[in-house]
């Protein structure tokens, strides 16, 4: 896997300092999903996080970290990518939406749109919500 930078589009509601901090956080999040341990990933997730669209049911924090860990940890050719995201902000949250890709053995296995919400808690960022809208997904039954 080659490291790819996120193309981060933004509106005027997001200050320069926050843009750079969110870009660094998102690069860390992607790198942690791809290569980090479950514990490292859980540090980047809010305790109240929910994720929709990755399975039939809404996932909670432990289920999200388990899903990413099983799919990607220690597998060099299995990884996620978020090549293009748009950043906006509201009072307390940063919202990112854009493209999401999963690769298994280097082959695109899932692609779609992702809505992600990030909050600043105790001087650090954490993901509070993930929503995946799949356009394409390989069947698990293959």
C-alpha atoms as a PDB file:
ATOM      1  CA  UNK A   1       0.000   0.000   0.000  1.00  0.00           C
ATOM      2  CA  UNK A   2       1.266   3.440  -0.823  1.00  0.00           C
ATOM      3  CA  UNK A   3       0.494   6.330   1.470  1.00  0.00           C
ATOM      4  CA  UNK A   4      -1.885   8.779  -0.152  1.00  0.00           C
ATOM      5  CA  UNK A   5      -2.759  12.245   1.042  1.00  0.00           C
ATOM      6  CA  UNK A   6      -6.365  13.227   1.409  1.00  0.00           C
ATOM      7  CA  UNK A   7      -7.667  15.920  -0.897  1.00  0.00           C
ATOM      8  CA  UNK A   8      -9.538  18.077   1.603  1.00  0.00           C
ATOM      9  CA  UNK A   9     -12.006  20.618   0.263  1.00  0.00           C
ATOM     10  CA  UNK A  10     -13.495  23.041   2.787  1.00  0.00           C
ATOM     11  CA  UNK A  11     -15.805  26.007   3.208  1.00  0.00           C
ATOM     12  CA  UNK A  12     -15.221  29.317   4.988  1.00  0.00           C
ATOM     13  CA  UNK A  13     -16.718  28.061   8.256  1.00  0.00           C
ATOM     14  CA  UNK A  14     -13.475  26.200   9.002  1.00  0.00           C
ATOM     15  CA  UNK A  15     -10.439  28.140  10.164  1.00  0.00           C
ATOM     16  CA  UNK A  16      -6.921  27.464   8.889  1.00  0.00           C
ATOM     17  CA  UNK A  17      -5.675  25.931  12.130  1.00  0.00           C
ATOM     18  CA  UNK A  18      -8.640  23.551  12.311  1.00  0.00           C
ATOM     19  CA  UNK A  19      -8.200  22.509   8.666  1.00  0.00           C
ATOM     20  CA  UNK A  20      -4.611  21.439   9.258  1.00  0.00           C
ATOM     21  CA  UNK A  21      -5.508  19.703  12.535  1.00  0.00           C
ATOM     22  CA  UNK A  22      -8.395  17.796  10.917  1.00  0.00           C
ATOM     23  CA  UNK A  23      -6.191  16.770   7.970  1.00  0.00           C
ATOM     24  CA  UNK A  24      -3.563  15.407  10.388  1.00  0.00           C
ATOM     25  CA  UNK A  25      -6.277  13.633  12.401  1.00  0.00           C
ATOM     26  CA  UNK A  26      -7.826  12.036   9.319  1.00  0.00           C
ATOM     27  CA  UNK A  27      -4.425  10.849   8.069  1.00  0.00           C
ATOM     28  CA  UNK A  28      -3.819   9.370  11.545  1.00  0.00           C
ATOM     29  CA  UNK A  29      -7.280   7.739  11.541  1.00  0.00           C
ATOM     30  CA  UNK A  30      -6.717   6.109   8.137  1.00  0.00           C
ATOM     31  CA  UNK A  31      -3.203   4.996   9.083  1.00  0.00           C
ATOM     32  CA  UNK A  32      -4.501   3.546  12.361  1.00  0.00           C
ATOM     33  CA  UNK A  33      -7.324   1.636  10.641  1.00  0.00           C
ATOM     34  CA  UNK A  34      -4.820   0.252   8.137  1.00  0.00           C
ATOM     35  CA  UNK A  35      -1.910  -0.535  10.464  1.00  0.00           C
ATOM     36  CA  UNK A  36      -2.791   0.189  14.088  1.00  0.00           C
ATOM     37  CA  UNK A  37      -3.956  -2.007  16.916  1.00  0.00           C
ATOM     38  CA  UNK A  38      -7.528  -2.122  18.195  1.00  0.00           C
ATOM     39  CA  UNK A  39      -6.486  -0.104  21.242  1.00  0.00           C
ATOM     40  CA  UNK A  40      -4.930   2.625  19.078  1.00  0.00           C
ATOM     41  CA  UNK A  41      -8.071   2.779  16.948  1.00  0.00           C
ATOM     42  CA  UNK A  42     -10.379   2.928  19.965  1.00  0.00           C
ATOM     43  CA  UNK A  43      -8.475   5.988  21.221  1.00  0.00           C
ATOM     44  CA  UNK A  44      -9.608   7.815  18.063  1.00  0.00           C
ATOM     45  CA  UNK A  45     -13.276   6.838  18.487  1.00  0.00           C
ATOM     46  CA  UNK A  46     -15.784   8.501  20.796  1.00  0.00           C
ATOM     47  CA  UNK A  47     -17.323   6.251  23.444  1.00  0.00           C
ATOM     48  CA  UNK A  48     -20.745   7.050  21.957  1.00  0.00           C
ATOM     49  CA  UNK A  49     -19.795   6.523  18.286  1.00  0.00           C
ATOM     50  CA  UNK A  50     -22.225   4.837  15.910  1.00  0.00           C
ATOM     51  CA  UNK A  51     -21.593   3.538  12.399  1.00  0.00           C
ATOM     52  CA  UNK A  52     -24.222   2.780   9.773  1.00  0.00           C
ATOM     53  CA  UNK A  53     -23.941   1.180   6.347  1.00  0.00           C
ATOM     54  CA  UNK A  54     -21.047  -1.178   7.083  1.00  0.00           C
ATOM     55  CA  UNK A  55     -23.415  -3.974   8.085  1.00  0.00           C
ATOM     56  CA  UNK A  56     -27.113  -4.671   8.431  1.00  0.00           C
ATOM     57  CA  UNK A  57     -27.203  -3.134  11.917  1.00  0.00           C
ATOM     58  CA  UNK A  58     -25.845   0.021  13.537  1.00  0.00           C
ATOM     59  CA  UNK A  59     -22.408  -0.643  15.024  1.00  0.00           C
ATOM     60  CA  UNK A  60     -21.088   0.645  18.362  1.00  0.00           C
ATOM     61  CA  UNK A  61     -17.479   1.420  19.340  1.00  0.00           C
ATOM     62  CA  UNK A  62     -16.295  -2.122  20.118  1.00  0.00           C
ATOM     63  CA  UNK A  63     -17.977  -3.526  16.994  1.00  0.00           C
ATOM     64  CA  UNK A  64     -16.431  -0.827  14.788  1.00  0.00           C
ATOM     65  CA  UNK A  65     -12.922  -1.455  16.078  1.00  0.00           C
ATOM     66  CA  UNK A  66     -13.439  -5.228  15.754  1.00  0.00           C
ATOM     67  CA  UNK A  67     -14.652  -4.869  12.146  1.00  0.00           C
ATOM     68  CA  UNK A  68     -11.721  -2.706  11.047  1.00  0.00           C
ATOM     69  CA  UNK A  69      -9.210  -4.814  13.006  1.00  0.00           C
ATOM     70  CA  UNK A  70     -10.343  -8.090  11.427  1.00  0.00           C
ATOM     71  CA  UNK A  71     -10.373  -6.668   7.909  1.00  0.00           C
ATOM     72  CA  UNK A  72      -7.176  -4.644   7.878  1.00  0.00           C
ATOM     73  CA  UNK A  73      -4.735  -5.163  10.769  1.00  0.00           C
ATOM     74  CA  UNK A  74      -1.515  -6.869   9.710  1.00  0.00           C
ATOM     75  CA  UNK A  75      -2.631  -7.260   6.110  1.00  0.00           C
ATOM     76  CA  UNK A  76      -0.444  -5.147   3.897  1.00  0.00           C
ATOM     77  CA  UNK A  77      -2.715  -5.361   0.860  1.00  0.00           C
ATOM     78  CA  UNK A  78      -5.960  -4.757   2.777  1.00  0.00           C
ATOM     79  CA  UNK A  79      -6.596  -1.092   3.500  1.00  0.00           C
ATOM     80  CA  UNK A  80      -9.014   1.817   3.368  1.00  0.00           C
ATOM     81  CA  UNK A  81      -8.630   5.049   1.470  1.00  0.00           C
ATOM     82  CA  UNK A  82     -10.562   8.317   1.590  1.00  0.00           C
ATOM     83  CA  UNK A  83      -9.133  10.138  -1.413  1.00  0.00           C
ATOM     84  CA  UNK A  84     -11.427  13.157  -1.429  1.00  0.00           C
ATOM     85  CA  UNK A  85     -13.315  14.709   1.478  1.00  0.00           C
ATOM     86  CA  UNK A  86     -15.205  17.955   2.000  1.00  0.00           C
ATOM     87  CA  UNK A  87     -14.912  19.575   5.425  1.00  0.00           C
ATOM     88  CA  UNK A  88     -17.561  21.794   7.017  1.00  0.00           C
ATOM     89  CA  UNK A  89     -18.189  22.700  10.620  1.00  0.00           C
ATOM     90  CA  UNK A  90     -21.067  23.482  12.902  1.00  0.00           C
ATOM     91  CA  UNK A  91     -20.913  24.699  16.483  1.00  0.00           C
ATOM     92  CA  UNK A  92     -19.138  21.732  18.034  1.00  0.00           C
ATOM     93  CA  UNK A  93     -18.624  19.240  15.213  1.00  0.00           C
ATOM     94  CA  UNK A  94     -16.568  18.962  12.073  1.00  0.00           C
ATOM     95  CA  UNK A  95     -18.356  17.159   9.254  1.00  0.00           C
ATOM     96  CA  UNK A  96     -16.504  15.364   6.486  1.00  0.00           C
ATOM     97  CA  UNK A  97     -18.169  13.752   3.516  1.00  0.00           C
ATOM     98  CA  UNK A  98     -16.708  12.264   0.404  1.00  0.00           C
ATOM     99  CA  UNK A  99     -15.404   9.065  -1.072  1.00  0.00           C
ATOM    100  CA  UNK A 100     -14.519   5.878   0.803  1.00  0.00           C
ATOM    101  CA  UNK A 101     -12.748   2.828  -0.621  1.00  0.00           C
ATOM    102  CA  UNK A 102     -11.839  -0.562   0.846  1.00  0.00           C
ATOM    103  CA  UNK A 103      -9.214  -2.759  -0.767  1.00  0.00           C
ATOM    104  CA  UNK A 104      -8.805  -6.491  -0.118  1.00  0.00           C
ATOM    105  CA  UNK A 105      -5.621  -8.045  -1.496  1.00  0.00           C
ATOM    106  CA  UNK A 106      -5.073  -4.782  -3.373  1.00  0.00           C
ATOM    107  CA  UNK A 107      -8.414  -5.064  -5.229  1.00  0.00           C
ATOM    108  CA  UNK A 108     -11.225  -2.572  -4.691  1.00  0.00           C
ATOM    109  CA  UNK A 109     -13.840  -4.477  -2.673  1.00  0.00           C
ATOM    110  CA  UNK A 110     -16.141  -1.683  -1.482  1.00  0.00           C
ATOM    111  CA  UNK A 111     -16.652   1.894  -2.572  1.00  0.00           C
ATOM    112  CA  UNK A 112     -19.130   4.592  -1.811  1.00  0.00           C
ATOM    113  CA  UNK A 113     -19.743   7.816   0.022  1.00  0.00           C
ATOM    114  CA  UNK A 114     -18.913   8.431   3.654  1.00  0.00           C
ATOM    115  CA  UNK A 115     -20.306  10.961   6.119  1.00  0.00           C
ATOM    116  CA  UNK A 116     -18.081  11.311   9.139  1.00  0.00           C
ATOM    117  CA  UNK A 117     -18.421  13.598  12.167  1.00  0.00           C
ATOM    118  CA  UNK A 118     -15.450  14.553  14.316  1.00  0.00           C
ATOM    119  CA  UNK A 119     -15.500  16.353  17.673  1.00  0.00           C
ATOM    120  CA  UNK A 120     -12.753  17.903  19.749  1.00  0.00           C
ATOM    121  CA  UNK A 121     -12.788  16.344  23.222  1.00  0.00           C
ATOM    122  CA  UNK A 122     -10.178  17.066  25.888  1.00  0.00           C
ATOM    123  CA  UNK A 123      -7.798  18.761  23.434  1.00  0.00           C
ATOM    124  CA  UNK A 124      -7.916  15.887  20.952  1.00  0.00           C
ATOM    125  CA  UNK A 125     -10.185  14.856  18.106  1.00  0.00           C
ATOM    126  CA  UNK A 126     -12.370  11.762  17.973  1.00  0.00           C
ATOM    127  CA  UNK A 127     -14.807  10.301  15.466  1.00  0.00           C
ATOM    128  CA  UNK A 128     -18.392  10.470  16.760  1.00  0.00           C
ATOM    129  CA  UNK A 129     -20.319   9.181  13.735  1.00  0.00           C
ATOM    130  CA  UNK A 130     -19.715   7.206  10.531  1.00  0.00           C
ATOM    131  CA  UNK A 131     -22.261   6.635   7.770  1.00  0.00           C
ATOM    132  CA  UNK A 132     -21.275   4.611   4.726  1.00  0.00           C
ATOM    133  CA  UNK A 133     -23.410   4.705   1.586  1.00  0.00           C
ATOM    134  CA  UNK A 134     -22.102   1.832  -0.553  1.00  0.00           C
ATOM    135  CA  UNK A 135     -22.155   2.081  -4.328  1.00  0.00           C
ATOM    136  CA  UNK A 136     -20.305  -1.173  -4.806  1.00  0.00           C
ATOM    137  CA  UNK A 137     -19.501  -4.021  -2.450  1.00  0.00           C
ATOM    138  CA  UNK A 138     -18.185  -7.522  -3.094  1.00  0.00           C
ATOM    139  CA  UNK A 139     -20.298 -10.224  -1.534  1.00  0.00           C
ATOM    140  CA  UNK A 140     -18.894 -11.962   1.535  1.00  0.00           C
ATOM    141  CA  UNK A 141     -20.249 -15.235   0.134  1.00  0.00           C
ATOM    142  CA  UNK A 142     -17.811 -15.373  -2.805  1.00  0.00           C
END
